Amino acid sequence: MRKVLTRNGTTSEAGRNNCNLFDFYSMNSSVGLFAASSGMKLTYVWEQATPEARVIIVVLMVFSVFAWMTMGYKALEMRRARRLNLVFEAEYRSQAALLDIFGRKLHVEGCPLFMVYQDGCSELDVRLNSPDGTRRRYLSLKAMEHVKRSLESTVAREALRLESGLVLLAVAVSGAPFLGLLGTVWGVMDTFGGIAMAAQAGGRADLQSMAPGVSAALITTVAGLLVAIPSMFGYNWLVHTLRVLTVQLDNFAQALASRMETEFLKDDE
């Protein structure tokens, strides 16, 4: 590399820029060579894998695709539910009367708090209407208990709706490593069996002949871990978010039931 010296003998800015540019290209070349080498190794291991190991890897790839799809869908669903809960709760607290929002005939898809409110108010409205067509001002204690049961049922149904699909992640977390371990044990068993048969036939039984089969067997464990580790982190985050939403639903249902009792239950009941 050509250096440009100044009058006091120090390297000029052009020389330093050339040096940095050389280091940058050297680093990129090293990264490219490493990536190419890793790709060649994976290709070689795949070629050495047994048919059983390839089937297990394909199954794990399918598991991975469904796990990532589930994590993405549930994350968006729970994020939307939290945002809608905040908007609805602010609107609910601003209403003077309990049935104001219900009377406007709104429908908010994907909002758990709204579904609890809607079902509770629907049951309350039915109990307030008399068979003769008149409308009661207050409810009996027995009728209020029916309204509370409706709130509890809706809370349970919304929690189950938010929880749906998480079982796939649980299966991926617990089952993928064992499926990968099955492929590794199967591949090692097949490798040692082949080495033993070759030794009996007068062939070599050394590390050089064992290495391809063992490395191909270990790739299934790697594939299993690559499926299980992201699924574990995603599952734990989704379960935590689900727990938060469920607590919010329970608290809102209790607050709603208390407000119903305050407005529609006589003090002497």
C-alpha atoms as a PDB file:
ATOM      1  CA  MET A   1       0.000   0.000   0.000  1.00  0.00           C
ATOM      2  CA  ARG A   2       1.314   3.465  -0.867  1.00  0.00           C
ATOM      3  CA  LYS A   3       1.786   5.862   2.060  1.00  0.00           C
ATOM      4  CA  VAL A   4       1.810   9.631   1.752  1.00  0.00           C
ATOM      5  CA  LEU A   5       4.054  11.393   4.300  1.00  0.00           C
ATOM      6  CA  THR A   6       3.705  14.966   5.442  1.00  0.00           C
ATOM      7  CA  ARG A   7       6.584  17.309   6.204  1.00  0.00           C
ATOM      8  CA  ASN A   8       6.814  16.201   9.820  1.00  0.00           C
ATOM      9  CA  GLY A   9       7.004  12.538   8.778  1.00  0.00           C
ATOM     10  CA  THR A  10       3.480  11.442   9.796  1.00  0.00           C
ATOM     11  CA  THR A  11       1.085   9.457   7.639  1.00  0.00           C
ATOM     12  CA  SER A  12      -1.371  11.596   5.731  1.00  0.00           C
ATOM     13  CA  GLU A  13      -5.175  11.275   5.778  1.00  0.00           C
ATOM     14  CA  ALA A  14      -5.137   9.602   2.349  1.00  0.00           C
ATOM     15  CA  GLY A  15      -2.873   6.850   3.670  1.00  0.00           C
ATOM     16  CA  ARG A  16      -5.138   6.215   6.643  1.00  0.00           C
ATOM     17  CA  ASN A  17      -8.212   6.082   4.411  1.00  0.00           C
ATOM     18  CA  ASN A  18      -6.518   3.537   2.152  1.00  0.00           C
ATOM     19  CA  CYS A  19      -5.628   1.434   5.196  1.00  0.00           C
ATOM     20  CA  ASN A  20      -9.214   1.521   6.496  1.00  0.00           C
ATOM     21  CA  LEU A  21     -10.533   0.622   3.062  1.00  0.00           C
ATOM     22  CA  PHE A  22      -8.150  -2.335   2.894  1.00  0.00           C
ATOM     23  CA  ASP A  23      -9.280  -3.539   6.335  1.00  0.00           C
ATOM     24  CA  PHE A  24     -12.934  -3.214   5.313  1.00  0.00           C
ATOM     25  CA  TYR A  25     -12.498  -5.332   2.188  1.00  0.00           C
ATOM     26  CA  SER A  26     -10.444  -7.869   4.133  1.00  0.00           C
ATOM     27  CA  MET A  27     -13.188  -8.234   6.730  1.00  0.00           C
ATOM     28  CA  ASN A  28     -15.893  -8.627   4.094  1.00  0.00           C
ATOM     29  CA  SER A  29     -13.800 -11.237   2.314  1.00  0.00           C
ATOM     30  CA  SER A  30     -13.356 -13.151   5.573  1.00  0.00           C
ATOM     31  CA  VAL A  31     -17.091 -13.076   6.280  1.00  0.00           C
ATOM     32  CA  GLY A  32     -17.861 -14.234   2.754  1.00  0.00           C
ATOM     33  CA  LEU A  33     -15.393 -17.090   2.977  1.00  0.00           C
ATOM     34  CA  PHE A  34     -16.813 -18.162   6.344  1.00  0.00           C
ATOM     35  CA  ALA A  35     -20.377 -18.132   5.020  1.00  0.00           C
ATOM     36  CA  ALA A  36     -19.361 -20.099   1.936  1.00  0.00           C
ATOM     37  CA  SER A  37     -17.481 -22.605   4.072  1.00  0.00           C
ATOM     38  CA  SER A  38     -20.473 -23.031   6.413  1.00  0.00           C
ATOM     39  CA  GLY A  39     -22.791 -23.530   3.452  1.00  0.00           C
ATOM     40  CA  MET A  40     -20.498 -26.172   1.981  1.00  0.00           C
ATOM     41  CA  LYS A  41     -20.353 -27.955   5.331  1.00  0.00           C
ATOM     42  CA  LEU A  42     -24.128 -27.995   5.677  1.00  0.00           C
ATOM     43  CA  THR A  43     -24.480 -29.281   2.124  1.00  0.00           C
ATOM     44  CA  TYR A  44     -21.964 -32.020   2.813  1.00  0.00           C
ATOM     45  CA  VAL A  45     -23.688 -33.027   6.056  1.00  0.00           C
ATOM     46  CA  TRP A  46     -27.072 -33.092   4.293  1.00  0.00           C
ATOM     47  CA  GLU A  47     -25.662 -35.370   1.605  1.00  0.00           C
ATOM     48  CA  GLN A  48     -24.272 -37.715   4.255  1.00  0.00           C
ATOM     49  CA  ALA A  49     -27.543 -37.829   6.237  1.00  0.00           C
ATOM     50  CA  THR A  50     -29.641 -40.968   6.199  1.00  0.00           C
ATOM     51  CA  PRO A  51     -33.165 -40.942   4.729  1.00  0.00           C
ATOM     52  CA  GLU A  52     -34.596 -41.129   8.247  1.00  0.00           C
ATOM     53  CA  ALA A  53     -32.626 -38.046   9.317  1.00  0.00           C
ATOM     54  CA  ARG A  54     -33.783 -36.132   6.238  1.00  0.00           C
ATOM     55  CA  VAL A  55     -37.417 -36.984   6.985  1.00  0.00           C
ATOM     56  CA  ILE A  56     -37.007 -35.758  10.575  1.00  0.00           C
ATOM     57  CA  ILE A  57     -35.365 -32.522   9.396  1.00  0.00           C
ATOM     58  CA  VAL A  58     -38.222 -31.878   6.950  1.00  0.00           C
ATOM     59  CA  VAL A  59     -40.766 -32.493   9.732  1.00  0.00           C
ATOM     60  CA  LEU A  60     -38.884 -30.074  11.985  1.00  0.00           C
ATOM     61  CA  MET A  61     -38.854 -27.485   9.208  1.00  0.00           C
ATOM     62  CA  VAL A  62     -42.640 -27.788   8.924  1.00  0.00           C
ATOM     63  CA  PHE A  63     -42.891 -27.426  12.712  1.00  0.00           C
ATOM     64  CA  SER A  64     -40.735 -24.307  12.520  1.00  0.00           C
ATOM     65  CA  VAL A  65     -42.895 -22.703   9.828  1.00  0.00           C
ATOM     66  CA  PHE A  66     -46.112 -23.284  11.796  1.00  0.00           C
ATOM     67  CA  ALA A  67     -44.481 -22.151  15.045  1.00  0.00           C
ATOM     68  CA  TRP A  68     -43.328 -18.844  13.535  1.00  0.00           C
ATOM     69  CA  MET A  69     -46.727 -18.303  11.923  1.00  0.00           C
ATOM     70  CA  THR A  70     -48.449 -18.950  15.249  1.00  0.00           C
ATOM     71  CA  MET A  71     -46.109 -16.621  17.141  1.00  0.00           C
ATOM     72  CA  GLY A  72     -46.636 -13.832  14.626  1.00  0.00           C
ATOM     73  CA  TYR A  73     -50.416 -14.211  14.509  1.00  0.00           C
ATOM     74  CA  LYS A  74     -50.863 -14.444  18.295  1.00  0.00           C
ATOM     75  CA  ALA A  75     -48.495 -11.528  18.917  1.00  0.00           C
ATOM     76  CA  LEU A  76     -50.514  -9.312  16.553  1.00  0.00           C
ATOM     77  CA  GLU A  77     -53.806 -10.535  18.014  1.00  0.00           C
ATOM     78  CA  MET A  78     -52.780  -9.833  21.624  1.00  0.00           C
ATOM     79  CA  ARG A  79     -51.255  -6.486  20.722  1.00  0.00           C
ATOM     80  CA  ARG A  80     -54.495  -5.466  19.028  1.00  0.00           C
ATOM     81  CA  ALA A  81     -56.509  -6.719  22.021  1.00  0.00           C
ATOM     82  CA  ARG A  82     -54.440  -4.637  24.459  1.00  0.00           C
ATOM     83  CA  ARG A  83     -54.789  -1.513  22.308  1.00  0.00           C
ATOM     84  CA  LEU A  84     -58.555  -1.932  21.915  1.00  0.00           C
ATOM     85  CA  ASN A  85     -58.931  -2.616  25.639  1.00  0.00           C
ATOM     86  CA  LEU A  86     -57.288   0.695  26.453  1.00  0.00           C
ATOM     87  CA  VAL A  87     -59.524   2.589  24.012  1.00  0.00           C
ATOM     88  CA  PHE A  88     -62.716   0.895  25.196  1.00  0.00           C
ATOM     89  CA  GLU A  89     -61.905   1.280  28.901  1.00  0.00           C
ATOM     90  CA  ALA A  90     -61.358   5.014  28.435  1.00  0.00           C
ATOM     91  CA  GLU A  91     -64.691   5.281  26.595  1.00  0.00           C
ATOM     92  CA  TYR A  92     -66.464   3.164  29.227  1.00  0.00           C
ATOM     93  CA  ARG A  93     -65.246   5.318  32.127  1.00  0.00           C
ATOM     94  CA  SER A  94     -66.403   8.487  30.378  1.00  0.00           C
ATOM     95  CA  GLN A  95     -70.045   7.334  30.176  1.00  0.00           C
ATOM     96  CA  ALA A  96     -72.506   8.655  32.751  1.00  0.00           C
ATOM     97  CA  ALA A  97     -74.773   5.593  32.708  1.00  0.00           C
ATOM     98  CA  LEU A  98     -73.843   1.939  32.442  1.00  0.00           C
ATOM     99  CA  LEU A  99     -75.985   1.190  29.376  1.00  0.00           C
ATOM    100  CA  ASP A 100     -74.962   4.229  27.314  1.00  0.00           C
ATOM    101  CA  ILE A 101     -72.503   2.335  25.115  1.00  0.00           C
ATOM    102  CA  PHE A 102     -74.882  -0.641  24.876  1.00  0.00           C
ATOM    103  CA  GLY A 103     -77.661   1.640  23.662  1.00  0.00           C
ATOM    104  CA  ARG A 104     -75.486   2.893  20.815  1.00  0.00           C
ATOM    105  CA  LYS A 105     -75.380  -0.653  19.347  1.00  0.00           C
ATOM    106  CA  LEU A 106     -71.629  -0.631  18.822  1.00  0.00           C
ATOM    107  CA  HIS A 107     -69.560  -3.655  17.865  1.00  0.00           C
ATOM    108  CA  VAL A 108     -65.809  -3.789  18.444  1.00  0.00           C
ATOM    109  CA  GLU A 109     -64.301  -6.939  16.934  1.00  0.00           C
ATOM    110  CA  GLY A 110     -61.283  -8.322  18.773  1.00  0.00           C
ATOM    111  CA  CYS A 111     -61.735  -6.338  22.013  1.00  0.00           C
ATOM    112  CA  PRO A 112     -62.079  -8.707  25.011  1.00  0.00           C
ATOM    113  CA  LEU A 113     -63.341  -6.021  27.413  1.00  0.00           C
ATOM    114  CA  PHE A 114     -66.059  -4.996  24.973  1.00  0.00           C
ATOM    115  CA  MET A 115     -67.229  -8.598  24.642  1.00  0.00           C
ATOM    116  CA  VAL A 116     -67.526  -8.900  28.434  1.00  0.00           C
ATOM    117  CA  TYR A 117     -69.423  -5.617  28.570  1.00  0.00           C
ATOM    118  CA  GLN A 118     -71.664  -6.514  25.630  1.00  0.00           C
ATOM    119  CA  ASP A 119     -72.678  -9.934  26.959  1.00  0.00           C
ATOM    120  CA  GLY A 120     -73.190  -8.618  30.489  1.00  0.00           C
ATOM    121  CA  CYS A 121     -75.341  -5.725  29.322  1.00  0.00           C
ATOM    122  CA  SER A 122     -77.315  -8.009  26.996  1.00  0.00           C
ATOM    123  CA  GLU A 123     -78.157 -10.299  29.900  1.00  0.00           C
ATOM    124  CA  LEU A 124     -78.964  -7.290  32.078  1.00  0.00           C
ATOM    125  CA  ASP A 125     -81.247  -5.849  29.391  1.00  0.00           C
ATOM    126  CA  VAL A 126     -83.124  -9.148  29.093  1.00  0.00           C
ATOM    127  CA  ARG A 127     -83.629  -9.307  32.873  1.00  0.00           C
ATOM    128  CA  LEU A 128     -84.882  -5.726  32.997  1.00  0.00           C
ATOM    129  CA  ASN A 129     -87.599  -6.396  30.397  1.00  0.00           C
ATOM    130  CA  SER A 130     -90.755  -7.894  31.866  1.00  0.00           C
ATOM    131  CA  PRO A 131     -92.850 -10.522  30.043  1.00  0.00           C
ATOM    132  CA  ASP A 132     -95.735  -8.022  29.782  1.00  0.00           C
ATOM    133  CA  GLY A 133     -93.567  -5.566  27.839  1.00  0.00           C
ATOM    134  CA  THR A 134     -92.822  -3.162  30.663  1.00  0.00           C
ATOM    135  CA  ARG A 135     -89.319  -2.374  31.825  1.00  0.00           C
ATOM    136  CA  ARG A 136     -88.189  -2.793  35.396  1.00  0.00           C
ATOM    137  CA  ARG A 137     -86.130  -0.187  37.168  1.00  0.00           C
ATOM    138  CA  TYR A 138     -84.382  -2.654  39.492  1.00  0.00           C
ATOM    139  CA  LEU A 139     -83.408  -6.319  39.438  1.00  0.00           C
ATOM    140  CA  SER A 140     -83.826  -8.962  42.070  1.00  0.00           C
ATOM    141  CA  LEU A 141     -80.808 -10.524  43.705  1.00  0.00           C
ATOM    142  CA  LYS A 142     -81.461 -13.783  41.853  1.00  0.00           C
ATOM    143  CA  ALA A 143     -81.556 -12.020  38.478  1.00  0.00           C
ATOM    144  CA  MET A 144     -78.326 -10.181  39.301  1.00  0.00           C
ATOM    145  CA  GLU A 145     -76.639 -13.514  40.008  1.00  0.00           C
ATOM    146  CA  HIS A 146     -77.599 -14.675  36.512  1.00  0.00           C
ATOM    147  CA  VAL A 147     -75.986 -11.560  35.082  1.00  0.00           C
ATOM    148  CA  LYS A 148     -72.792 -12.290  37.039  1.00  0.00           C
ATOM    149  CA  ARG A 149     -72.720 -15.851  35.716  1.00  0.00           C
ATOM    150  CA  SER A 150     -72.953 -14.454  32.193  1.00  0.00           C
ATOM    151  CA  LEU A 151     -69.957 -12.180  32.870  1.00  0.00           C
ATOM    152  CA  GLU A 152     -67.898 -15.063  34.211  1.00  0.00           C
ATOM    153  CA  SER A 153     -68.790 -17.221  31.208  1.00  0.00           C
ATOM    154  CA  THR A 154     -67.710 -14.486  28.779  1.00  0.00           C
ATOM    155  CA  VAL A 155     -64.421 -13.954  30.629  1.00  0.00           C
ATOM    156  CA  ALA A 156     -63.656 -17.682  30.361  1.00  0.00           C
ATOM    157  CA  ARG A 157     -64.601 -17.765  26.671  1.00  0.00           C
ATOM    158  CA  GLU A 158     -62.410 -14.773  25.803  1.00  0.00           C
ATOM    159  CA  ALA A 159     -59.471 -16.235  27.729  1.00  0.00           C
ATOM    160  CA  LEU A 160     -59.811 -19.497  25.801  1.00  0.00           C
ATOM    161  CA  ARG A 161     -59.995 -17.594  22.525  1.00  0.00           C
ATOM    162  CA  LEU A 162     -56.767 -15.746  23.278  1.00  0.00           C
ATOM    163  CA  GLU A 163     -55.112 -18.980  24.399  1.00  0.00           C
ATOM    164  CA  SER A 164     -56.028 -20.901  21.247  1.00  0.00           C
ATOM    165  CA  GLY A 165     -53.004 -21.871  19.164  1.00  0.00           C
ATOM    166  CA  LEU A 166     -50.496 -21.766  22.004  1.00  0.00           C
ATOM    167  CA  VAL A 167     -50.631 -25.540  22.274  1.00  0.00           C
ATOM    168  CA  LEU A 168     -48.742 -25.731  18.974  1.00  0.00           C
ATOM    169  CA  LEU A 169     -45.874 -23.745  20.479  1.00  0.00           C
ATOM    170  CA  ALA A 170     -45.921 -25.950  23.562  1.00  0.00           C
ATOM    171  CA  VAL A 171     -45.637 -29.019  21.343  1.00  0.00           C
ATOM    172  CA  ALA A 172     -42.750 -27.426  19.425  1.00  0.00           C
ATOM    173  CA  VAL A 173     -40.906 -26.526  22.641  1.00  0.00           C
ATOM    174  CA  SER A 174     -41.264 -29.954  24.218  1.00  0.00           C
ATOM    175  CA  GLY A 175     -41.302 -32.202  21.170  1.00  0.00           C
ATOM    176  CA  ALA A 176     -38.768 -30.726  18.732  1.00  0.00           C
ATOM    177  CA  PRO A 177     -35.633 -31.495  20.833  1.00  0.00           C
ATOM    178  CA  PHE A 178     -36.725 -35.081  21.357  1.00  0.00           C
ATOM    179  CA  LEU A 179     -37.515 -35.483  17.683  1.00  0.00           C
ATOM    180  CA  GLY A 180     -34.049 -34.168  16.846  1.00  0.00           C
ATOM    181  CA  LEU A 181     -32.511 -36.465  19.465  1.00  0.00           C
ATOM    182  CA  LEU A 182     -34.321 -39.409  17.885  1.00  0.00           C
ATOM    183  CA  GLY A 183     -32.714 -38.594  14.550  1.00  0.00           C
ATOM    184  CA  THR A 184     -29.275 -38.299  16.160  1.00  0.00           C
ATOM    185  CA  VAL A 185     -29.545 -41.606  18.023  1.00  0.00           C
ATOM    186  CA  TRP A 186     -30.875 -43.304  14.914  1.00  0.00           C
ATOM    187  CA  GLY A 187     -28.069 -41.878  12.770  1.00  0.00           C
ATOM    188  CA  VAL A 188     -25.339 -42.821  15.283  1.00  0.00           C
ATOM    189  CA  MET A 189     -26.764 -46.313  15.582  1.00  0.00           C
ATOM    190  CA  ASP A 190     -26.808 -46.654  11.811  1.00  0.00           C
ATOM    191  CA  THR A 191     -23.213 -45.339  11.573  1.00  0.00           C
ATOM    192  CA  PHE A 192     -21.841 -47.732  14.177  1.00  0.00           C
ATOM    193  CA  GLY A 193     -23.736 -50.601  12.570  1.00  0.00           C
ATOM    194  CA  GLY A 194     -22.182 -49.783   9.196  1.00  0.00           C
ATOM    195  CA  ILE A 195     -18.692 -49.502  10.730  1.00  0.00           C
ATOM    196  CA  ALA A 196     -19.120 -52.858  12.459  1.00  0.00           C
ATOM    197  CA  MET A 197     -20.202 -54.548   9.229  1.00  0.00           C
ATOM    198  CA  ALA A 198     -17.291 -52.951   7.338  1.00  0.00           C
ATOM    199  CA  ALA A 199     -14.827 -54.130  10.001  1.00  0.00           C
ATOM    200  CA  GLN A 200     -16.100 -57.673   9.749  1.00  0.00           C
ATOM    201  CA  ALA A 201     -15.618 -57.487   5.983  1.00  0.00           C
ATOM    202  CA  GLY A 202     -12.004 -56.349   6.454  1.00  0.00           C
ATOM    203  CA  GLY A 203     -12.599 -52.594   6.013  1.00  0.00           C
ATOM    204  CA  ARG A 204     -11.435 -49.692   8.161  1.00  0.00           C
ATOM    205  CA  ALA A 205     -13.046 -48.837  11.502  1.00  0.00           C
ATOM    206  CA  ASP A 206     -11.394 -45.536  12.420  1.00  0.00           C
ATOM    207  CA  LEU A 207     -12.502 -41.980  13.163  1.00  0.00           C
ATOM    208  CA  GLN A 208     -12.157 -40.889   9.540  1.00  0.00           C
ATOM    209  CA  SER A 209     -14.771 -43.392   8.432  1.00  0.00           C
ATOM    210  CA  MET A 210     -17.083 -42.625  11.361  1.00  0.00           C
ATOM    211  CA  ALA A 211     -16.996 -38.817  11.203  1.00  0.00           C
ATOM    212  CA  PRO A 212     -19.333 -38.283   8.199  1.00  0.00           C
ATOM    213  CA  GLY A 213     -22.110 -40.422   9.645  1.00  0.00           C
ATOM    214  CA  VAL A 214     -21.847 -38.967  13.156  1.00  0.00           C
ATOM    215  CA  SER A 215     -21.840 -35.366  11.900  1.00  0.00           C
ATOM    216  CA  ALA A 216     -24.857 -36.091   9.724  1.00  0.00           C
ATOM    217  CA  ALA A 217     -26.618 -37.623  12.734  1.00  0.00           C
ATOM    218  CA  LEU A 218     -25.966 -34.587  14.927  1.00  0.00           C
ATOM    219  CA  ILE A 219     -27.621 -32.190  12.473  1.00  0.00           C
ATOM    220  CA  THR A 220     -31.071 -33.406  13.533  1.00  0.00           C
ATOM    221  CA  THR A 221     -30.391 -32.325  17.118  1.00  0.00           C
ATOM    222  CA  VAL A 222     -29.295 -28.921  15.843  1.00  0.00           C
ATOM    223  CA  ALA A 223     -32.495 -28.672  13.793  1.00  0.00           C
ATOM    224  CA  GLY A 224     -34.592 -29.613  16.816  1.00  0.00           C
ATOM    225  CA  LEU A 225     -32.956 -26.946  18.957  1.00  0.00           C
ATOM    226  CA  LEU A 226     -33.381 -24.329  16.228  1.00  0.00           C
ATOM    227  CA  VAL A 227     -37.113 -25.052  16.327  1.00  0.00           C
ATOM    228  CA  ALA A 228     -37.461 -25.286  20.114  1.00  0.00           C
ATOM    229  CA  ILE A 229     -35.422 -22.258  21.261  1.00  0.00           C
ATOM    230  CA  PRO A 230     -37.356 -19.515  19.369  1.00  0.00           C
ATOM    231  CA  SER A 231     -40.619 -21.286  20.208  1.00  0.00           C
ATOM    232  CA  MET A 232     -39.700 -21.279  23.904  1.00  0.00           C
ATOM    233  CA  PHE A 233     -39.043 -17.536  23.990  1.00  0.00           C
ATOM    234  CA  GLY A 234     -42.182 -16.795  21.982  1.00  0.00           C
ATOM    235  CA  TYR A 235     -44.322 -19.113  24.105  1.00  0.00           C
ATOM    236  CA  ASN A 236     -43.151 -17.568  27.397  1.00  0.00           C
ATOM    237  CA  TRP A 237     -43.813 -14.033  26.136  1.00  0.00           C
ATOM    238  CA  LEU A 238     -47.262 -14.946  24.836  1.00  0.00           C
ATOM    239  CA  VAL A 239     -48.202 -16.727  28.082  1.00  0.00           C
ATOM    240  CA  HIS A 240     -47.149 -13.675  30.087  1.00  0.00           C
ATOM    241  CA  THR A 241     -49.205 -11.385  27.843  1.00  0.00           C
ATOM    242  CA  LEU A 242     -52.168 -13.764  28.084  1.00  0.00           C
ATOM    243  CA  ARG A 243     -51.936 -13.748  31.880  1.00  0.00           C
ATOM    244  CA  VAL A 244     -51.986  -9.938  31.906  1.00  0.00           C
ATOM    245  CA  LEU A 245     -55.034  -9.818  29.624  1.00  0.00           C
ATOM    246  CA  THR A 246     -56.851 -12.436  31.713  1.00  0.00           C
ATOM    247  CA  VAL A 247     -56.283 -10.435  34.911  1.00  0.00           C
ATOM    248  CA  GLN A 248     -57.594  -7.330  33.151  1.00  0.00           C
ATOM    249  CA  LEU A 249     -60.701  -9.253  32.101  1.00  0.00           C
ATOM    250  CA  ASP A 250     -61.340 -10.489  35.652  1.00  0.00           C
ATOM    251  CA  ASN A 251     -60.880  -7.029  37.152  1.00  0.00           C
ATOM    252  CA  PHE A 252     -63.132  -5.426  34.563  1.00  0.00           C
ATOM    253  CA  ALA A 253     -65.856  -8.041  35.069  1.00  0.00           C
ATOM    254  CA  GLN A 254     -65.807  -7.476  38.834  1.00  0.00           C
ATOM    255  CA  ALA A 255     -65.941  -3.692  38.403  1.00  0.00           C
ATOM    256  CA  LEU A 256     -68.783  -4.045  35.892  1.00  0.00           C
ATOM    257  CA  ALA A 257     -70.755  -6.308  38.239  1.00  0.00           C
ATOM    258  CA  SER A 258     -70.288  -3.823  41.072  1.00  0.00           C
ATOM    259  CA  ARG A 259     -71.557  -0.982  38.912  1.00  0.00           C
ATOM    260  CA  MET A 260     -74.569  -3.048  37.862  1.00  0.00           C
ATOM    261  CA  GLU A 261     -75.414  -3.689  41.483  1.00  0.00           C
ATOM    262  CA  THR A 262     -75.062   0.000  42.290  1.00  0.00           C
ATOM    263  CA  GLU A 263     -77.397   1.117  39.485  1.00  0.00           C
ATOM    264  CA  PHE A 264     -79.896  -1.743  39.207  1.00  0.00           C
ATOM    265  CA  LEU A 265     -80.068  -3.446  42.614  1.00  0.00           C
ATOM    266  CA  LYS A 266     -82.086  -2.020  45.483  1.00  0.00           C
ATOM    267  CA  ASP A 267     -80.256  -1.297  48.665  1.00  0.00           C
ATOM    268  CA  ASP A 268     -82.561  -3.535  50.683  1.00  0.00           C
ATOM    269  CA  GLU A 269     -81.967  -6.564  48.395  1.00  0.00           C
END
